[in-house]
Amino acid sequence: MEVQLDTITAATSELTLKATPEQLNLKLDLATLGSDVVYNLTTRRIEDEVFLDGTLTFTMNLTCARCVDEFATPFRLPLRLVIQLVVDESLVREEDADSEEFVVFPEAKKAFSLDQQVRDLIAVELPMKPLCRIDCRGLCPQCGANLNESPCGCKSSGPDPRWDGLRKLSNN
């Protein structure tokens, strides 16, 4: 999603943008965007700096790390970005465009794409071990049944004999 920099003035203004999952092209393991990403931003410009401050609202479809069920989770993330406009394009480095909070950008270009910042922000905020619920019981290690739905009836085979050596040490 692009922000038209030439329309941002010294007066604070509100800007609402929307990006579809296809536009963002977010590629993550075990997670997909479940809705459009809505940007609610406050914008203002002070001399050669453009300030964007607001929130991203969207839903992610995640896969539970215990029971492997897919579930939807709403997200509301803060977005704060300062775009430093420069006349000399040699001052712009490619790695600056990937910064999360401060970007040096050529003044001659009229539109700035927020896509990379949004992709990075979403990737960082996703849980490392998503759970469909806090008390998820996961899958039976013997038959693979989802223990959240019903008990499977498998008999516990007792403790793993490979841990007997450690068990002896802890009993001493």
C-alpha atoms as a PDB file:
ATOM      1  CA  MET A   1       0.000   0.000   0.000  1.00  0.00           C
ATOM      2  CA  GLU A   2       1.392   3.356  -0.995  1.00  0.00           C
ATOM      3  CA  VAL A   3       1.203   6.658   0.828  1.00  0.00           C
ATOM      4  CA  GLN A   4       1.178   9.712  -1.447  1.00  0.00           C
ATOM      5  CA  LEU A   5       3.845  11.870   0.219  1.00  0.00           C
ATOM      6  CA  ASP A   6       3.103  15.010  -1.801  1.00  0.00           C
ATOM      7  CA  THR A   7      -0.403  15.211  -0.288  1.00  0.00           C
ATOM      8  CA  ILE A   8       0.845  15.250   3.329  1.00  0.00           C
ATOM      9  CA  THR A   9       1.083  18.760   4.773  1.00  0.00           C
ATOM     10  CA  ALA A  10       2.057  20.378   8.083  1.00  0.00           C
ATOM     11  CA  ALA A  11      -1.542  20.060   9.220  1.00  0.00           C
ATOM     12  CA  THR A  12      -2.288  16.786  10.982  1.00  0.00           C
ATOM     13  CA  SER A  13      -4.642  14.642   8.944  1.00  0.00           C
ATOM     14  CA  GLU A  14      -6.234  11.213   9.172  1.00  0.00           C
ATOM     15  CA  LEU A  15      -5.610   8.593   6.509  1.00  0.00           C
ATOM     16  CA  THR A  16      -7.265   5.193   6.157  1.00  0.00           C
ATOM     17  CA  LEU A  17      -5.857   2.646   3.724  1.00  0.00           C
ATOM     18  CA  LYS A  18      -6.611  -0.991   3.062  1.00  0.00           C
ATOM     19  CA  ALA A  19      -4.408  -3.761   1.658  1.00  0.00           C
ATOM     20  CA  THR A  20      -5.554  -7.221   0.627  1.00  0.00           C
ATOM     21  CA  PRO A  21      -3.532 -10.331   1.513  1.00  0.00           C
ATOM     22  CA  GLU A  22      -2.612 -10.636  -2.178  1.00  0.00           C
ATOM     23  CA  GLN A  23      -1.229  -7.079  -2.238  1.00  0.00           C
ATOM     24  CA  LEU A  24       0.950  -7.655   0.822  1.00  0.00           C
ATOM     25  CA  ASN A  25       2.220 -11.029  -0.426  1.00  0.00           C
ATOM     26  CA  LEU A  26       3.006 -12.148   3.130  1.00  0.00           C
ATOM     27  CA  LYS A  27       4.746 -15.535   3.200  1.00  0.00           C
ATOM     28  CA  LEU A  28       4.860 -17.170   6.629  1.00  0.00           C
ATOM     29  CA  ASP A  29       4.970 -20.766   7.844  1.00  0.00           C
ATOM     30  CA  LEU A  30       1.730 -21.923   9.480  1.00  0.00           C
ATOM     31  CA  ALA A  31       0.093 -18.480   9.232  1.00  0.00           C
ATOM     32  CA  THR A  32      -1.916 -16.589   6.606  1.00  0.00           C
ATOM     33  CA  LEU A  33      -3.741 -13.305   6.560  1.00  0.00           C
ATOM     34  CA  GLY A  34      -7.424 -13.950   7.190  1.00  0.00           C
ATOM     35  CA  SER A  35      -8.613 -10.454   6.312  1.00  0.00           C
ATOM     36  CA  ASP A  36      -7.573  -7.209   4.692  1.00  0.00           C
ATOM     37  CA  VAL A  37      -5.079  -5.102   6.635  1.00  0.00           C
ATOM     38  CA  VAL A  38      -6.637  -1.743   7.545  1.00  0.00           C
ATOM     39  CA  TYR A  39      -4.237   1.130   8.198  1.00  0.00           C
ATOM     40  CA  ASN A  40      -5.593   3.989  10.338  1.00  0.00           C
ATOM     41  CA  LEU A  41      -2.867   6.623  10.256  1.00  0.00           C
ATOM     42  CA  THR A  42      -2.324  10.146  11.465  1.00  0.00           C
ATOM     43  CA  THR A  43      -0.007  12.000   9.089  1.00  0.00           C
ATOM     44  CA  ARG A  44       1.879  15.258   9.203  1.00  0.00           C
ATOM     45  CA  ARG A  45       4.906  16.818   7.582  1.00  0.00           C
ATOM     46  CA  ILE A  46       7.493  19.023   9.243  1.00  0.00           C
ATOM     47  CA  GLU A  47       9.940  20.413   6.693  1.00  0.00           C
ATOM     48  CA  ASP A  48      11.626  17.369   5.126  1.00  0.00           C
ATOM     49  CA  GLU A  49      10.215  14.739   7.483  1.00  0.00           C
ATOM     50  CA  VAL A  50       6.926  12.892   7.121  1.00  0.00           C
ATOM     51  CA  PHE A  51       5.455  11.339  10.265  1.00  0.00           C
ATOM     52  CA  LEU A  52       3.076   8.381  10.089  1.00  0.00           C
ATOM     53  CA  ASP A  53       1.526   7.204  13.343  1.00  0.00           C
ATOM     54  CA  GLY A  54      -1.355   4.785  13.724  1.00  0.00           C
ATOM     55  CA  THR A  55      -2.538   1.198  13.862  1.00  0.00           C
ATOM     56  CA  LEU A  56      -2.860  -1.842  11.660  1.00  0.00           C
ATOM     57  CA  THR A  57      -5.951  -3.996  12.185  1.00  0.00           C
ATOM     58  CA  PHE A  58      -6.307  -7.476  10.678  1.00  0.00           C
ATOM     59  CA  THR A  59      -7.021 -11.140  11.370  1.00  0.00           C
ATOM     60  CA  MET A  60      -4.468 -13.944  11.064  1.00  0.00           C
ATOM     61  CA  ASN A  61      -5.246 -17.607  10.476  1.00  0.00           C
ATOM     62  CA  LEU A  62      -2.767 -19.529  12.627  1.00  0.00           C
ATOM     63  CA  THR A  63      -2.105 -23.229  13.184  1.00  0.00           C
ATOM     64  CA  CYS A  64      -2.072 -24.418  16.790  1.00  0.00           C
ATOM     65  CA  ALA A  65       1.325 -25.780  17.805  1.00  0.00           C
ATOM     66  CA  ARG A  66      -0.285 -28.513  19.951  1.00  0.00           C
ATOM     67  CA  CYS A  67      -3.392 -29.806  18.146  1.00  0.00           C
ATOM     68  CA  VAL A  68      -2.634 -28.537  14.604  1.00  0.00           C
ATOM     69  CA  ASP A  69      -6.130 -26.980  14.271  1.00  0.00           C
ATOM     70  CA  GLU A  70      -6.397 -23.723  12.361  1.00  0.00           C
ATOM     71  CA  PHE A  71      -7.860 -20.751  14.220  1.00  0.00           C
ATOM     72  CA  ALA A  72      -8.352 -17.029  13.587  1.00  0.00           C
ATOM     73  CA  THR A  73      -6.901 -14.331  15.840  1.00  0.00           C
ATOM     74  CA  PRO A  74      -7.479 -10.573  15.571  1.00  0.00           C
ATOM     75  CA  PHE A  75      -4.461  -8.260  15.737  1.00  0.00           C
ATOM     76  CA  ARG A  76      -4.137  -4.531  16.348  1.00  0.00           C
ATOM     77  CA  LEU A  77      -0.540  -3.359  15.956  1.00  0.00           C
ATOM     78  CA  PRO A  78       0.970   0.124  16.314  1.00  0.00           C
ATOM     79  CA  LEU A  79       2.776   1.598  13.314  1.00  0.00           C
ATOM     80  CA  ARG A  80       5.154   4.518  13.759  1.00  0.00           C
ATOM     81  CA  LEU A  81       7.316   5.657  10.908  1.00  0.00           C
ATOM     82  CA  VAL A  82       9.400   8.739  10.114  1.00  0.00           C
ATOM     83  CA  ILE A  83      10.296   9.249   6.476  1.00  0.00           C
ATOM     84  CA  GLN A  84      13.255  11.587   5.957  1.00  0.00           C
ATOM     85  CA  LEU A  85      13.001  13.123   2.479  1.00  0.00           C
ATOM     86  CA  VAL A  86      16.344  13.896   0.818  1.00  0.00           C
ATOM     87  CA  VAL A  87      17.151  15.656  -2.452  1.00  0.00           C
ATOM     88  CA  ASP A  88      20.398  13.736  -3.024  1.00  0.00           C
ATOM     89  CA  GLU A  89      19.433  10.148  -3.915  1.00  0.00           C
ATOM     90  CA  SER A  90      22.976   8.953  -3.145  1.00  0.00           C
ATOM     91  CA  LEU A  91      22.099   9.323   0.563  1.00  0.00           C
ATOM     92  CA  VAL A  92      19.406   6.654   0.219  1.00  0.00           C
ATOM     93  CA  ARG A  93      20.606   3.167   1.118  1.00  0.00           C
ATOM     94  CA  GLU A  94      18.562   0.095   0.265  1.00  0.00           C
ATOM     95  CA  GLU A  95      18.743  -1.228   3.825  1.00  0.00           C
ATOM     96  CA  ASP A  96      17.129   2.013   5.059  1.00  0.00           C
ATOM     97  CA  ALA A  97      13.952   1.128   3.171  1.00  0.00           C
ATOM     98  CA  ASP A  98      13.547  -1.943   5.401  1.00  0.00           C
ATOM     99  CA  SER A  99      13.825  -0.035   8.682  1.00  0.00           C
ATOM    100  CA  GLU A 100      10.844  -0.330  10.983  1.00  0.00           C
ATOM    101  CA  GLU A 101      10.822   3.224  12.333  1.00  0.00           C
ATOM    102  CA  PHE A 102      13.019   5.540  10.245  1.00  0.00           C
ATOM    103  CA  VAL A 103      13.478   5.636   6.487  1.00  0.00           C
ATOM    104  CA  VAL A 104      15.531   7.905   4.238  1.00  0.00           C
ATOM    105  CA  PHE A 105      13.631   8.356   0.972  1.00  0.00           C
ATOM    106  CA  PRO A 106      14.200  10.429  -2.207  1.00  0.00           C
ATOM    107  CA  GLU A 107      12.079  13.578  -2.260  1.00  0.00           C
ATOM    108  CA  ALA A 108      11.571  13.241  -6.024  1.00  0.00           C
ATOM    109  CA  LYS A 109       9.478  10.102  -5.551  1.00  0.00           C
ATOM    110  CA  LYS A 110       5.895  10.947  -4.694  1.00  0.00           C
ATOM    111  CA  ALA A 111       4.702   7.618  -3.227  1.00  0.00           C
ATOM    112  CA  PHE A 112       6.125   5.475  -0.435  1.00  0.00           C
ATOM    113  CA  SER A 113       5.169   1.800  -0.158  1.00  0.00           C
ATOM    114  CA  LEU A 114       4.463   0.606   3.390  1.00  0.00           C
ATOM    115  CA  ASP A 115       4.342  -3.066   2.358  1.00  0.00           C
ATOM    116  CA  GLN A 116       7.786  -4.106   3.626  1.00  0.00           C
ATOM    117  CA  GLN A 117       7.359  -2.349   6.981  1.00  0.00           C
ATOM    118  CA  VAL A 118       3.943  -3.997   7.419  1.00  0.00           C
ATOM    119  CA  ARG A 119       5.232  -7.467   6.492  1.00  0.00           C
ATOM    120  CA  ASP A 120       8.107  -7.106   8.969  1.00  0.00           C
ATOM    121  CA  LEU A 121       5.834  -5.810  11.729  1.00  0.00           C
ATOM    122  CA  ILE A 122       3.389  -8.692  11.307  1.00  0.00           C
ATOM    123  CA  ALA A 123       6.156 -11.314  11.214  1.00  0.00           C
ATOM    124  CA  VAL A 124       7.724  -9.986  14.421  1.00  0.00           C
ATOM    125  CA  GLU A 125       4.413  -9.832  16.308  1.00  0.00           C
ATOM    126  CA  LEU A 126       3.228 -13.371  15.536  1.00  0.00           C
ATOM    127  CA  PRO A 127       3.539 -15.798  18.450  1.00  0.00           C
ATOM    128  CA  MET A 128       6.368 -18.315  18.135  1.00  0.00           C
ATOM    129  CA  LYS A 129       4.136 -21.102  19.421  1.00  0.00           C
ATOM    130  CA  PRO A 130       0.520 -20.208  18.582  1.00  0.00           C
ATOM    131  CA  LEU A 131      -2.123 -21.956  20.674  1.00  0.00           C
ATOM    132  CA  CYS A 132      -5.807 -22.223  19.783  1.00  0.00           C
ATOM    133  CA  ARG A 133      -6.505 -21.769  23.495  1.00  0.00           C
ATOM    134  CA  ILE A 134      -4.387 -21.652  26.646  1.00  0.00           C
ATOM    135  CA  ASP A 135      -5.493 -25.079  27.863  1.00  0.00           C
ATOM    136  CA  CYS A 136      -5.077 -26.880  24.506  1.00  0.00           C
ATOM    137  CA  ARG A 137      -4.491 -30.573  25.236  1.00  0.00           C
ATOM    138  CA  GLY A 138      -2.875 -31.295  21.864  1.00  0.00           C
ATOM    139  CA  LEU A 139      -2.766 -34.648  20.087  1.00  0.00           C
ATOM    140  CA  CYS A 140      -2.468 -38.143  21.530  1.00  0.00           C
ATOM    141  CA  PRO A 141       1.145 -39.254  20.999  1.00  0.00           C
ATOM    142  CA  GLN A 142      -0.011 -42.794  20.217  1.00  0.00           C
ATOM    143  CA  CYS A 143      -3.038 -42.500  17.919  1.00  0.00           C
ATOM    144  CA  GLY A 144      -2.955 -38.799  16.929  1.00  0.00           C
ATOM    145  CA  ALA A 145      -6.506 -38.003  18.108  1.00  0.00           C
ATOM    146  CA  ASN A 146      -7.275 -34.393  19.028  1.00  0.00           C
ATOM    147  CA  LEU A 147      -7.573 -34.528  22.833  1.00  0.00           C
ATOM    148  CA  ASN A 148      -9.586 -31.266  22.881  1.00  0.00           C
ATOM    149  CA  GLU A 149     -12.487 -33.008  21.160  1.00  0.00           C
ATOM    150  CA  SER A 150     -12.603 -36.161  23.302  1.00  0.00           C
ATOM    151  CA  PRO A 151     -10.333 -38.575  25.156  1.00  0.00           C
ATOM    152  CA  CYS A 152      -8.946 -41.175  22.775  1.00  0.00           C
ATOM    153  CA  GLY A 153      -8.963 -44.240  25.018  1.00  0.00           C
ATOM    154  CA  CYS A 154      -5.297 -45.112  24.467  1.00  0.00           C
ATOM    155  CA  LYS A 155      -3.584 -46.593  27.495  1.00  0.00           C
ATOM    156  CA  SER A 156      -0.538 -44.805  28.761  1.00  0.00           C
ATOM    157  CA  SER A 157       2.514 -46.978  28.316  1.00  0.00           C
ATOM    158  CA  GLY A 158       4.193 -45.406  31.350  1.00  0.00           C
ATOM    159  CA  PRO A 159       7.369 -43.383  31.396  1.00  0.00           C
ATOM    160  CA  ASP A 160       9.822 -43.632  28.527  1.00  0.00           C
ATOM    161  CA  PRO A 161      12.581 -46.096  29.548  1.00  0.00           C
ATOM    162  CA  ARG A 162      15.201 -43.929  27.856  1.00  0.00           C
ATOM    163  CA  TRP A 163      14.871 -41.493  30.776  1.00  0.00           C
ATOM    164  CA  ASP A 164      15.500 -44.108  33.493  1.00  0.00           C
ATOM    165  CA  GLY A 165      19.096 -42.985  34.024  1.00  0.00           C
ATOM    166  CA  LEU A 166      18.015 -39.438  34.800  1.00  0.00           C
ATOM    167  CA  ARG A 167      15.163 -40.652  36.972  1.00  0.00           C
ATOM    168  CA  LYS A 168      17.666 -42.649  39.090  1.00  0.00           C
ATOM    169  CA  LEU A 169      19.812 -39.536  39.534  1.00  0.00           C
ATOM    170  CA  SER A 170      16.847 -37.425  40.685  1.00  0.00           C
ATOM    171  CA  ASN A 171      15.793 -40.080  43.226  1.00  0.00           C
ATOM    172  CA  ASN A 172      19.207 -39.987  44.954  1.00  0.00           C
END
